[in-house]
């Protein structure tokens, strides 16, 4: 059985690099973005807005990915809005898949704010113990990474796939228009 990836956020730093790596390893790769690139050889573009459930369902019709790689987020004015919007994107994705039970594994990329908190309260208060550990309890504040993880965990329970969460410290790469790109700064 071939491995079929749906890379969500395929035009971002993580998504486009991951798509290229999967292609090099022989995967079939679908790249989902609001404005997917059509100039990347091998990546099958999927144009969809994760906040438009009906449009997302239409865009994903017929797709049966074995693996989901969620590398997307949409910044909002407040952390409460970040939580609401970014977790909705994950819920909408799994609700729109025509065969979510065919998914074997889903991977979510978040980051160091899992341990230090969102930008609004980044590294405020007592410094956390380092090195950071995966079993470290969550911080007692709103954090959209937690909301995304909870949405992923719920989908995994419902559809029976395994999951992983990747929390890199810093991501450096090339993505046009990405203000989070430390390589550009």
N, C-alpha and C. Protein backbone atom coordinates (compact mmCIF):
# COMPACT_ATOMS: atom_id res chain seq x y z
N UNK A 1 0.84 -1.18 0.00
CA UNK A 1 0.00 0.00 0.00
C UNK A 1 0.89 1.25 0.00
N UNK A 2 0.58 2.18 -0.87
CA UNK A 2 1.40 3.39 -0.93
C UNK A 2 1.05 4.33 0.22
N UNK A 3 2.03 5.11 0.60
CA UNK A 3 1.82 6.10 1.64
C UNK A 3 1.36 7.39 0.97
N UNK A 4 0.23 7.88 1.43
CA UNK A 4 -0.38 9.08 0.85
C UNK A 4 -0.45 10.14 1.93
N UNK A 5 0.25 11.24 1.71
CA UNK A 5 0.32 12.32 2.69
C UNK A 5 -0.58 13.48 2.29
N UNK A 6 -1.24 14.04 3.27
CA UNK A 6 -1.90 15.33 3.11
C UNK A 6 -1.13 16.29 4.01
N UNK A 7 -0.37 17.20 3.39
CA UNK A 7 0.41 18.19 4.13
C UNK A 7 -0.44 19.45 4.20
N UNK A 8 -0.89 19.78 5.38
CA UNK A 8 -1.75 20.94 5.61
C UNK A 8 -0.85 22.11 5.97
N UNK A 9 -0.92 23.16 5.17
CA UNK A 9 0.01 24.28 5.32
C UNK A 9 1.22 24.06 4.44
N UNK A 10 0.98 23.55 3.25
CA UNK A 10 2.06 23.12 2.36
C UNK A 10 2.88 24.26 1.77
N UNK A 11 2.47 25.50 1.97
CA UNK A 11 3.26 26.63 1.45
C UNK A 11 4.11 27.28 2.53
N UNK A 12 4.00 26.82 3.76
CA UNK A 12 4.78 27.38 4.85
C UNK A 12 6.16 26.76 4.95
N UNK A 13 6.95 27.27 5.88
CA UNK A 13 8.33 26.80 6.05
C UNK A 13 8.38 25.30 6.31
N UNK A 14 7.61 24.84 7.28
CA UNK A 14 7.63 23.42 7.62
C UNK A 14 6.95 22.60 6.54
N UNK A 15 5.79 23.03 6.09
CA UNK A 15 5.00 22.26 5.14
C UNK A 15 5.69 22.03 3.82
N UNK A 16 6.29 23.07 3.25
CA UNK A 16 6.91 22.88 1.94
C UNK A 16 8.17 22.03 2.03
N UNK A 17 8.91 22.15 3.11
CA UNK A 17 10.11 21.33 3.30
C UNK A 17 9.72 19.87 3.54
N UNK A 18 8.69 19.67 4.34
CA UNK A 18 8.20 18.31 4.60
C UNK A 18 7.68 17.66 3.32
N UNK A 19 6.92 18.40 2.53
CA UNK A 19 6.39 17.85 1.28
C UNK A 19 7.53 17.39 0.37
N UNK A 20 8.57 18.19 0.26
CA UNK A 20 9.72 17.83 -0.57
C UNK A 20 10.39 16.56 -0.05
N UNK A 21 10.52 16.46 1.27
CA UNK A 21 11.16 15.28 1.87
C UNK A 21 10.32 14.02 1.61
N UNK A 22 9.02 14.13 1.78
CA UNK A 22 8.14 12.98 1.55
C UNK A 22 8.18 12.55 0.08
N UNK A 23 8.16 13.51 -0.83
CA UNK A 23 8.27 13.19 -2.25
C UNK A 23 9.57 12.43 -2.54
N UNK A 24 10.67 12.90 -1.97
CA UNK A 24 11.96 12.25 -2.18
C UNK A 24 11.97 10.82 -1.65
N UNK A 25 11.12 10.56 -0.65
CA UNK A 25 11.02 9.21 -0.08
C UNK A 25 9.95 8.35 -0.75
N UNK A 26 9.36 8.85 -1.84
CA UNK A 26 8.42 8.04 -2.60
C UNK A 26 6.95 8.14 -2.21
N UNK A 27 6.61 9.10 -1.39
CA UNK A 27 5.21 9.29 -1.00
C UNK A 27 4.43 9.97 -2.11
N UNK A 28 3.12 9.75 -2.13
CA UNK A 28 2.18 10.57 -2.88
C UNK A 28 1.85 11.73 -1.94
N UNK A 29 2.01 12.97 -2.41
CA UNK A 29 1.85 14.12 -1.52
C UNK A 29 0.82 15.10 -2.07
N UNK A 30 -0.21 15.35 -1.25
CA UNK A 30 -1.17 16.41 -1.51
C UNK A 30 -0.78 17.58 -0.61
N UNK A 31 -0.76 18.77 -1.18
CA UNK A 31 -0.39 19.97 -0.42
C UNK A 31 -1.57 20.91 -0.30
N UNK A 32 -2.13 21.02 0.90
CA UNK A 32 -3.29 21.86 1.13
C UNK A 32 -2.85 23.24 1.60
N UNK A 33 -3.42 24.26 0.99
CA UNK A 33 -3.20 25.65 1.38
C UNK A 33 -4.34 26.48 0.80
N UNK A 34 -4.54 27.66 1.36
CA UNK A 34 -5.56 28.55 0.77
C UNK A 34 -5.17 28.91 -0.65
N UNK A 35 -3.89 29.16 -0.85
CA UNK A 35 -3.36 29.47 -2.18
C UNK A 35 -2.17 28.54 -2.43
N UNK A 36 -2.45 27.29 -2.81
CA UNK A 36 -1.34 26.33 -2.97
C UNK A 36 -0.44 26.71 -4.13
N UNK A 37 0.81 26.34 -3.98
CA UNK A 37 1.78 26.55 -5.07
C UNK A 37 1.51 25.49 -6.13
N UNK A 38 1.60 25.90 -7.35
CA UNK A 38 1.42 24.96 -8.46
C UNK A 38 2.72 24.71 -9.19
N UNK A 39 3.81 25.30 -8.69
CA UNK A 39 5.11 25.18 -9.34
C UNK A 39 6.01 24.15 -8.68
N UNK A 40 5.49 23.38 -7.75
CA UNK A 40 6.29 22.38 -7.05
C UNK A 40 6.02 21.03 -7.68
N UNK A 41 6.98 20.53 -8.40
CA UNK A 41 6.83 19.26 -9.10
C UNK A 41 6.54 18.13 -8.12
N UNK A 42 5.46 17.43 -8.38
CA UNK A 42 5.12 16.26 -7.57
C UNK A 42 4.09 16.50 -6.49
N UNK A 43 4.00 17.71 -5.96
CA UNK A 43 3.00 18.00 -4.93
C UNK A 43 1.67 18.29 -5.62
N UNK A 44 0.64 17.55 -5.24
CA UNK A 44 -0.68 17.71 -5.84
C UNK A 44 -1.42 18.79 -5.05
N UNK A 45 -1.67 19.96 -5.65
CA UNK A 45 -2.22 21.08 -4.89
C UNK A 45 -3.69 20.88 -4.55
N UNK A 46 -4.03 21.27 -3.31
CA UNK A 46 -5.41 21.27 -2.84
C UNK A 46 -5.68 22.66 -2.29
N UNK A 47 -6.55 23.40 -2.96
CA UNK A 47 -6.89 24.75 -2.51
C UNK A 47 -8.10 24.67 -1.59
N UNK A 48 -7.91 25.10 -0.34
CA UNK A 48 -9.01 25.06 0.62
C UNK A 48 -8.71 25.98 1.79
N UNK A 49 -9.78 26.50 2.35
CA UNK A 49 -9.70 27.31 3.56
C UNK A 49 -10.20 26.43 4.70
N UNK A 50 -9.36 26.19 5.68
CA UNK A 50 -9.72 25.31 6.80
C UNK A 50 -10.86 25.86 7.64
N UNK A 51 -11.21 27.11 7.46
CA UNK A 51 -12.32 27.70 8.21
C UNK A 51 -13.63 27.70 7.41
N UNK A 52 -13.61 27.09 6.24
CA UNK A 52 -14.79 26.96 5.38
C UNK A 52 -15.13 25.47 5.27
N UNK A 53 -15.93 24.93 6.21
CA UNK A 53 -16.18 23.48 6.21
C UNK A 53 -16.74 22.94 4.90
N UNK A 54 -17.69 23.65 4.28
CA UNK A 54 -18.28 23.16 3.03
C UNK A 54 -17.25 23.14 1.91
N UNK A 55 -16.49 24.22 1.78
CA UNK A 55 -15.46 24.28 0.75
C UNK A 55 -14.37 23.25 0.99
N UNK A 56 -14.03 23.04 2.24
CA UNK A 56 -13.01 22.05 2.60
C UNK A 56 -13.48 20.65 2.22
N UNK A 57 -14.74 20.35 2.51
CA UNK A 57 -15.30 19.04 2.17
C UNK A 57 -15.23 18.81 0.65
N UNK A 58 -15.56 19.84 -0.11
CA UNK A 58 -15.49 19.74 -1.57
C UNK A 58 -14.05 19.53 -2.04
N UNK A 59 -13.12 20.29 -1.48
CA UNK A 59 -11.71 20.19 -1.89
C UNK A 59 -11.11 18.83 -1.56
N UNK A 60 -11.58 18.20 -0.49
CA UNK A 60 -11.01 16.92 -0.06
C UNK A 60 -11.76 15.71 -0.61
N UNK A 61 -12.86 15.95 -1.32
CA UNK A 61 -13.64 14.83 -1.87
C UNK A 61 -12.73 13.93 -2.70
N UNK A 62 -12.78 12.65 -2.41
CA UNK A 62 -11.98 11.70 -3.17
C UNK A 62 -10.59 11.45 -2.60
N UNK A 63 -10.12 12.28 -1.68
CA UNK A 63 -8.80 12.07 -1.09
C UNK A 63 -8.90 11.05 0.05
N UNK A 64 -7.94 10.14 0.08
CA UNK A 64 -7.89 9.13 1.13
C UNK A 64 -6.47 9.05 1.67
N UNK A 65 -6.02 10.10 2.37
CA UNK A 65 -4.64 10.07 2.86
C UNK A 65 -4.45 9.04 3.96
N UNK A 66 -3.28 8.43 3.96
CA UNK A 66 -2.92 7.52 5.05
C UNK A 66 -2.30 8.29 6.21
N UNK A 67 -1.75 9.47 5.90
CA UNK A 67 -1.08 10.28 6.90
C UNK A 67 -1.44 11.76 6.71
N UNK A 68 -1.67 12.43 7.82
CA UNK A 68 -1.94 13.87 7.83
C UNK A 68 -0.77 14.54 8.54
N UNK A 69 -0.24 15.58 7.93
CA UNK A 69 0.81 16.39 8.55
C UNK A 69 0.26 17.81 8.65
N UNK A 70 -0.09 18.23 9.86
CA UNK A 70 -0.73 19.52 10.07
C UNK A 70 0.33 20.53 10.48
N UNK A 71 0.65 21.44 9.55
CA UNK A 71 1.73 22.41 9.73
C UNK A 71 1.20 23.83 9.53
N UNK A 72 -0.01 24.08 9.98
CA UNK A 72 -0.66 25.35 9.68
C UNK A 72 -1.16 26.02 10.95
N UNK A 73 -1.18 27.34 10.92
CA UNK A 73 -1.83 28.11 11.97
C UNK A 73 -2.21 29.45 11.38
N UNK A 74 -3.17 30.10 12.00
CA UNK A 74 -3.64 31.39 11.51
C UNK A 74 -3.65 32.35 12.70
N UNK A 75 -2.72 33.31 12.73
CA UNK A 75 -2.62 34.21 13.88
C UNK A 75 -3.86 35.10 14.03
N UNK A 76 -4.24 35.29 15.29
CA UNK A 76 -5.41 36.10 15.63
C UNK A 76 -4.99 37.20 16.61
N UNK A 77 -5.89 38.11 16.90
CA UNK A 77 -5.59 39.27 17.74
C UNK A 77 -5.37 38.91 19.21
N UNK A 78 -6.03 37.86 19.69
CA UNK A 78 -5.90 37.46 21.09
C UNK A 78 -5.65 35.96 21.16
N UNK A 79 -5.17 35.51 22.30
CA UNK A 79 -4.93 34.08 22.46
C UNK A 79 -6.25 33.31 22.51
N UNK A 80 -7.29 33.91 23.06
CA UNK A 80 -8.60 33.25 23.06
C UNK A 80 -9.06 32.99 21.62
N UNK A 81 -8.86 33.97 20.74
CA UNK A 81 -9.21 33.79 19.33
C UNK A 81 -8.28 32.79 18.66
N UNK A 82 -7.00 32.82 19.00
CA UNK A 82 -6.07 31.81 18.48
C UNK A 82 -6.57 30.41 18.83
N UNK A 83 -6.99 30.22 20.08
CA UNK A 83 -7.48 28.91 20.51
C UNK A 83 -8.71 28.50 19.70
N UNK A 84 -9.66 29.40 19.58
CA UNK A 84 -10.91 29.09 18.89
C UNK A 84 -10.66 28.77 17.41
N UNK A 85 -9.94 29.63 16.73
CA UNK A 85 -9.75 29.50 15.29
C UNK A 85 -8.84 28.32 14.94
N UNK A 86 -7.71 28.20 15.61
CA UNK A 86 -6.74 27.17 15.23
C UNK A 86 -7.18 25.76 15.60
N UNK A 87 -7.94 25.60 16.66
CA UNK A 87 -8.49 24.27 16.96
C UNK A 87 -9.63 23.95 15.99
N UNK A 88 -10.40 24.95 15.59
CA UNK A 88 -11.48 24.73 14.61
C UNK A 88 -10.90 24.22 13.28
N UNK A 89 -9.73 24.72 12.90
CA UNK A 89 -9.13 24.27 11.64
C UNK A 89 -8.86 22.76 11.67
N UNK A 90 -8.40 22.26 12.80
CA UNK A 90 -8.14 20.82 12.92
C UNK A 90 -9.45 20.04 12.93
N UNK A 91 -10.41 20.50 13.72
CA UNK A 91 -11.72 19.82 13.76
C UNK A 91 -12.36 19.80 12.37
N UNK A 92 -12.31 20.94 11.68
CA UNK A 92 -12.91 21.02 10.34
C UNK A 92 -12.23 20.07 9.36
N UNK A 93 -10.91 19.96 9.45
CA UNK A 93 -10.18 19.07 8.55
C UNK A 93 -10.67 17.63 8.70
N UNK A 94 -10.69 17.13 9.93
CA UNK A 94 -11.08 15.73 10.12
C UNK A 94 -12.56 15.50 9.84
N UNK A 95 -13.39 16.50 10.07
CA UNK A 95 -14.82 16.38 9.74
C UNK A 95 -15.04 16.36 8.23
N UNK A 96 -14.15 16.99 7.47
CA UNK A 96 -14.32 17.09 6.02
C UNK A 96 -13.71 15.92 5.26
N UNK A 97 -12.84 15.15 5.87
CA UNK A 97 -12.22 14.02 5.18
C UNK A 97 -13.29 12.99 4.80
N UNK A 98 -13.30 12.53 3.56
CA UNK A 98 -14.31 11.55 3.17
C UNK A 98 -14.12 10.18 3.85
N UNK A 99 -12.90 9.86 4.25
CA UNK A 99 -12.63 8.57 4.90
C UNK A 99 -11.64 8.77 6.05
N UNK A 100 -12.05 9.47 7.13
CA UNK A 100 -11.09 9.71 8.21
C UNK A 100 -10.60 8.44 8.90
N UNK A 101 -11.37 7.36 8.80
CA UNK A 101 -10.93 6.10 9.40
C UNK A 101 -9.80 5.44 8.62
N UNK A 102 -9.51 5.95 7.42
CA UNK A 102 -8.38 5.44 6.62
C UNK A 102 -7.06 6.06 7.06
N UNK A 103 -7.12 7.11 7.87
CA UNK A 103 -5.89 7.76 8.34
C UNK A 103 -5.20 6.84 9.34
N UNK A 104 -3.91 6.61 9.12
CA UNK A 104 -3.12 5.78 10.03
C UNK A 104 -2.44 6.61 11.11
N UNK A 105 -1.98 7.81 10.71
CA UNK A 105 -1.22 8.65 11.64
C UNK A 105 -1.42 10.11 11.28
N UNK A 106 -1.49 10.95 12.29
CA UNK A 106 -1.54 12.40 12.07
C UNK A 106 -0.46 13.04 12.93
N UNK A 107 0.28 13.96 12.32
CA UNK A 107 1.36 14.67 13.01
C UNK A 107 1.02 16.15 13.03
N UNK A 108 1.19 16.76 14.18
CA UNK A 108 0.94 18.19 14.38
C UNK A 108 2.25 18.87 14.74
N UNK A 109 2.55 19.97 14.05
CA UNK A 109 3.72 20.76 14.40
C UNK A 109 3.26 21.98 15.19
N UNK A 110 3.79 22.14 16.40
CA UNK A 110 3.52 23.33 17.21
C UNK A 110 4.87 24.00 17.46
N UNK A 111 5.29 24.13 18.71
CA UNK A 111 6.58 24.74 18.96
C UNK A 111 6.84 24.99 20.42
N UNK A 112 7.85 25.81 20.66
CA UNK A 112 8.33 26.05 22.02
C UNK A 112 7.33 26.81 22.89
N UNK A 113 6.39 27.52 22.27
CA UNK A 113 5.39 28.22 23.09
C UNK A 113 4.57 27.24 23.92
N UNK A 114 4.63 25.96 23.58
CA UNK A 114 3.97 24.95 24.41
C UNK A 114 4.52 25.02 25.84
N UNK A 115 5.81 25.29 25.96
CA UNK A 115 6.49 25.31 27.25
C UNK A 115 6.60 26.70 27.85
N UNK A 116 6.61 27.74 27.00
CA UNK A 116 6.83 29.11 27.48
C UNK A 116 5.59 29.98 27.46
N UNK A 117 4.52 29.51 26.83
CA UNK A 117 3.30 30.28 26.74
C UNK A 117 3.21 31.07 25.45
N UNK A 118 2.02 31.61 25.17
CA UNK A 118 1.81 32.38 23.95
C UNK A 118 2.52 33.72 24.02
N UNK A 119 2.57 34.41 22.88
CA UNK A 119 3.27 35.69 22.81
C UNK A 119 2.79 36.67 23.87
N UNK A 120 1.49 36.67 24.17
CA UNK A 120 0.94 37.61 25.16
C UNK A 120 1.60 37.47 26.53
N UNK A 121 2.02 36.27 26.87
CA UNK A 121 2.61 36.03 28.18
C UNK A 121 3.93 35.28 28.07
N UNK A 122 4.58 35.39 26.94
CA UNK A 122 5.77 34.61 26.63
C UNK A 122 6.82 34.73 27.73
N UNK A 123 7.15 33.61 28.30
CA UNK A 123 8.21 33.50 29.31
C UNK A 123 8.02 34.46 30.48
N UNK A 124 6.78 34.77 30.83
CA UNK A 124 6.54 35.60 32.01
C UNK A 124 6.46 34.71 33.24
N UNK A 125 6.65 35.30 34.39
CA UNK A 125 6.64 34.52 35.62
C UNK A 125 7.95 33.78 35.82
N UNK A 126 7.90 32.78 36.66
CA UNK A 126 9.11 31.99 36.96
C UNK A 126 9.52 31.23 35.71
N UNK A 127 10.82 31.21 35.41
CA UNK A 127 11.26 30.49 34.21
C UNK A 127 11.00 28.99 34.38
N UNK A 128 10.57 28.33 33.29
CA UNK A 128 10.33 26.89 33.38
C UNK A 128 11.65 26.13 33.48
N UNK A 129 11.55 24.96 34.06
CA UNK A 129 12.73 24.11 34.19
C UNK A 129 13.14 23.61 32.81
N UNK A 130 14.43 23.67 32.54
CA UNK A 130 14.94 23.13 31.28
C UNK A 130 15.86 21.96 31.60
N UNK A 131 16.06 21.02 30.72
CA UNK A 131 15.48 20.99 29.39
C UNK A 131 13.98 20.69 29.46
N UNK A 132 13.25 21.16 28.43
CA UNK A 132 11.82 20.91 28.37
C UNK A 132 11.58 19.42 28.14
N UNK A 133 10.54 18.90 28.74
CA UNK A 133 10.19 17.49 28.61
C UNK A 133 8.74 17.36 28.15
N UNK A 134 8.48 16.33 27.36
CA UNK A 134 7.14 16.13 26.83
C UNK A 134 6.10 15.88 27.93
N UNK A 135 6.54 15.32 29.05
CA UNK A 135 5.58 15.02 30.12
C UNK A 135 5.39 16.20 31.08
N UNK A 136 5.98 17.31 30.78
CA UNK A 136 5.82 18.51 31.59
C UNK A 136 4.35 18.94 31.54
N UNK A 137 3.76 19.30 32.67
CA UNK A 137 2.36 19.72 32.65
C UNK A 137 2.18 21.01 31.86
N UNK A 138 0.97 21.20 31.38
CA UNK A 138 0.65 22.42 30.65
C UNK A 138 0.70 23.62 31.58
N UNK A 139 0.99 24.77 31.00
CA UNK A 139 0.96 26.01 31.76
C UNK A 139 -0.49 26.37 32.07
N UNK A 140 -0.75 27.03 33.18
CA UNK A 140 -2.14 27.36 33.56
C UNK A 140 -2.64 28.64 32.86
N UNK A 141 -2.63 28.63 31.55
CA UNK A 141 -3.11 29.77 30.79
C UNK A 141 -3.55 29.32 29.41
N UNK A 142 -4.27 30.18 28.71
CA UNK A 142 -4.72 29.84 27.37
C UNK A 142 -3.51 29.73 26.44
N UNK A 143 -3.54 28.70 25.59
CA UNK A 143 -2.46 28.49 24.64
C UNK A 143 -3.06 27.73 23.46
N UNK A 144 -3.00 28.32 22.27
CA UNK A 144 -3.65 27.66 21.14
C UNK A 144 -2.99 26.34 20.78
N UNK A 145 -1.74 26.14 21.16
CA UNK A 145 -1.14 24.82 20.94
C UNK A 145 -1.90 23.75 21.70
N UNK A 146 -2.31 24.05 22.93
CA UNK A 146 -3.07 23.09 23.72
C UNK A 146 -4.42 22.79 23.05
N UNK A 147 -5.06 23.84 22.54
CA UNK A 147 -6.35 23.67 21.87
C UNK A 147 -6.20 22.81 20.61
N UNK A 148 -5.12 23.04 19.87
CA UNK A 148 -4.87 22.22 18.67
C UNK A 148 -4.62 20.76 19.07
N UNK A 149 -3.81 20.55 20.09
CA UNK A 149 -3.53 19.19 20.53
C UNK A 149 -4.81 18.49 20.96
N UNK A 150 -5.65 19.17 21.72
CA UNK A 150 -6.90 18.57 22.19
C UNK A 150 -7.79 18.17 21.02
N UNK A 151 -7.84 19.02 19.98
CA UNK A 151 -8.63 18.68 18.79
C UNK A 151 -8.04 17.46 18.09
N UNK A 152 -6.72 17.38 18.02
CA UNK A 152 -6.07 16.21 17.41
C UNK A 152 -6.35 14.95 18.23
N UNK A 153 -6.21 15.04 19.55
CA UNK A 153 -6.46 13.87 20.40
C UNK A 153 -7.89 13.36 20.23
N UNK A 154 -8.85 14.28 20.16
CA UNK A 154 -10.25 13.89 20.00
C UNK A 154 -10.47 13.19 18.67
N UNK A 155 -9.87 13.71 17.59
CA UNK A 155 -10.01 13.07 16.28
C UNK A 155 -9.37 11.69 16.28
N UNK A 156 -8.21 11.56 16.93
CA UNK A 156 -7.53 10.26 16.99
C UNK A 156 -8.38 9.24 17.74
N UNK A 157 -8.99 9.65 18.84
CA UNK A 157 -9.87 8.74 19.58
C UNK A 157 -11.06 8.32 18.72
N UNK A 158 -11.65 9.28 18.02
CA UNK A 158 -12.83 9.01 17.22
C UNK A 158 -12.53 8.11 16.03
N UNK A 159 -11.40 8.31 15.38
CA UNK A 159 -11.12 7.61 14.13
C UNK A 159 -10.06 6.52 14.24
N UNK A 160 -9.42 6.40 15.39
CA UNK A 160 -8.51 5.28 15.63
C UNK A 160 -7.14 5.38 15.00
N UNK A 161 -6.62 6.57 14.76
CA UNK A 161 -5.27 6.70 14.22
C UNK A 161 -4.29 7.09 15.32
N UNK A 162 -3.02 6.83 15.07
CA UNK A 162 -1.98 7.27 16.00
C UNK A 162 -1.65 8.73 15.70
N UNK A 163 -0.98 9.38 16.63
CA UNK A 163 -0.67 10.80 16.46
C UNK A 163 0.69 11.10 17.05
N UNK A 164 1.25 12.23 16.62
CA UNK A 164 2.47 12.75 17.22
C UNK A 164 2.39 14.27 17.18
N UNK A 165 3.03 14.90 18.15
CA UNK A 165 3.12 16.36 18.20
C UNK A 165 4.60 16.71 18.21
N UNK A 166 4.98 17.61 17.32
CA UNK A 166 6.38 18.01 17.17
C UNK A 166 6.51 19.46 17.63
N UNK A 167 7.41 19.70 18.55
CA UNK A 167 7.55 21.02 19.17
C UNK A 167 8.96 21.56 18.98
N UNK A 168 9.30 21.96 17.78
CA UNK A 168 10.65 22.49 17.57
C UNK A 168 10.86 23.80 18.30
N UNK A 169 12.09 24.04 18.71
CA UNK A 169 12.46 25.29 19.36
C UNK A 169 12.36 26.44 18.38
N UNK A 170 13.00 26.31 17.25
CA UNK A 170 13.04 27.35 16.23
C UNK A 170 13.00 26.68 14.87
N UNK A 171 12.28 27.30 13.95
CA UNK A 171 12.23 26.79 12.58
C UNK A 171 12.81 27.87 11.67
N UNK A 172 13.79 27.50 10.89
CA UNK A 172 14.41 28.43 9.94
C UNK A 172 14.29 27.81 8.56
N UNK A 173 13.81 28.60 7.63
CA UNK A 173 13.66 28.12 6.27
C UNK A 173 13.21 29.24 5.37
N UNK A 174 12.67 28.88 4.23
CA UNK A 174 12.27 29.86 3.24
C UNK A 174 10.80 29.68 2.92
N UNK A 175 10.02 30.71 3.15
CA UNK A 175 8.62 30.74 2.74
C UNK A 175 8.26 32.19 2.48
N UNK A 176 7.86 32.48 1.27
CA UNK A 176 7.55 33.85 0.88
C UNK A 176 6.45 34.42 1.76
N UNK A 177 6.70 35.60 2.30
CA UNK A 177 5.70 36.30 3.10
C UNK A 177 5.56 35.84 4.53
N UNK A 178 6.42 34.94 5.00
CA UNK A 178 6.31 34.41 6.35
C UNK A 178 7.06 35.31 7.31
N UNK A 179 6.33 36.01 8.17
CA UNK A 179 6.94 36.92 9.13
C UNK A 179 7.65 36.19 10.26
N UNK A 180 7.38 34.89 10.42
CA UNK A 180 8.00 34.11 11.49
C UNK A 180 9.35 33.51 11.06
N UNK A 181 9.80 33.82 9.86
CA UNK A 181 11.01 33.22 9.33
C UNK A 181 12.24 33.91 9.90
N UNK A 182 12.92 33.27 10.85
CA UNK A 182 14.09 33.83 11.46
C UNK A 182 15.25 33.98 10.48
N UNK A 183 15.24 33.19 9.41
CA UNK A 183 16.27 33.30 8.40
C UNK A 183 16.19 34.64 7.69
N UNK A 184 15.01 35.20 7.59
CA UNK A 184 14.82 36.50 6.93
C UNK A 184 15.18 37.66 7.86
N UNK A 185 15.02 37.46 9.16
CA UNK A 185 15.29 38.54 10.09
C UNK A 185 16.78 38.69 10.33
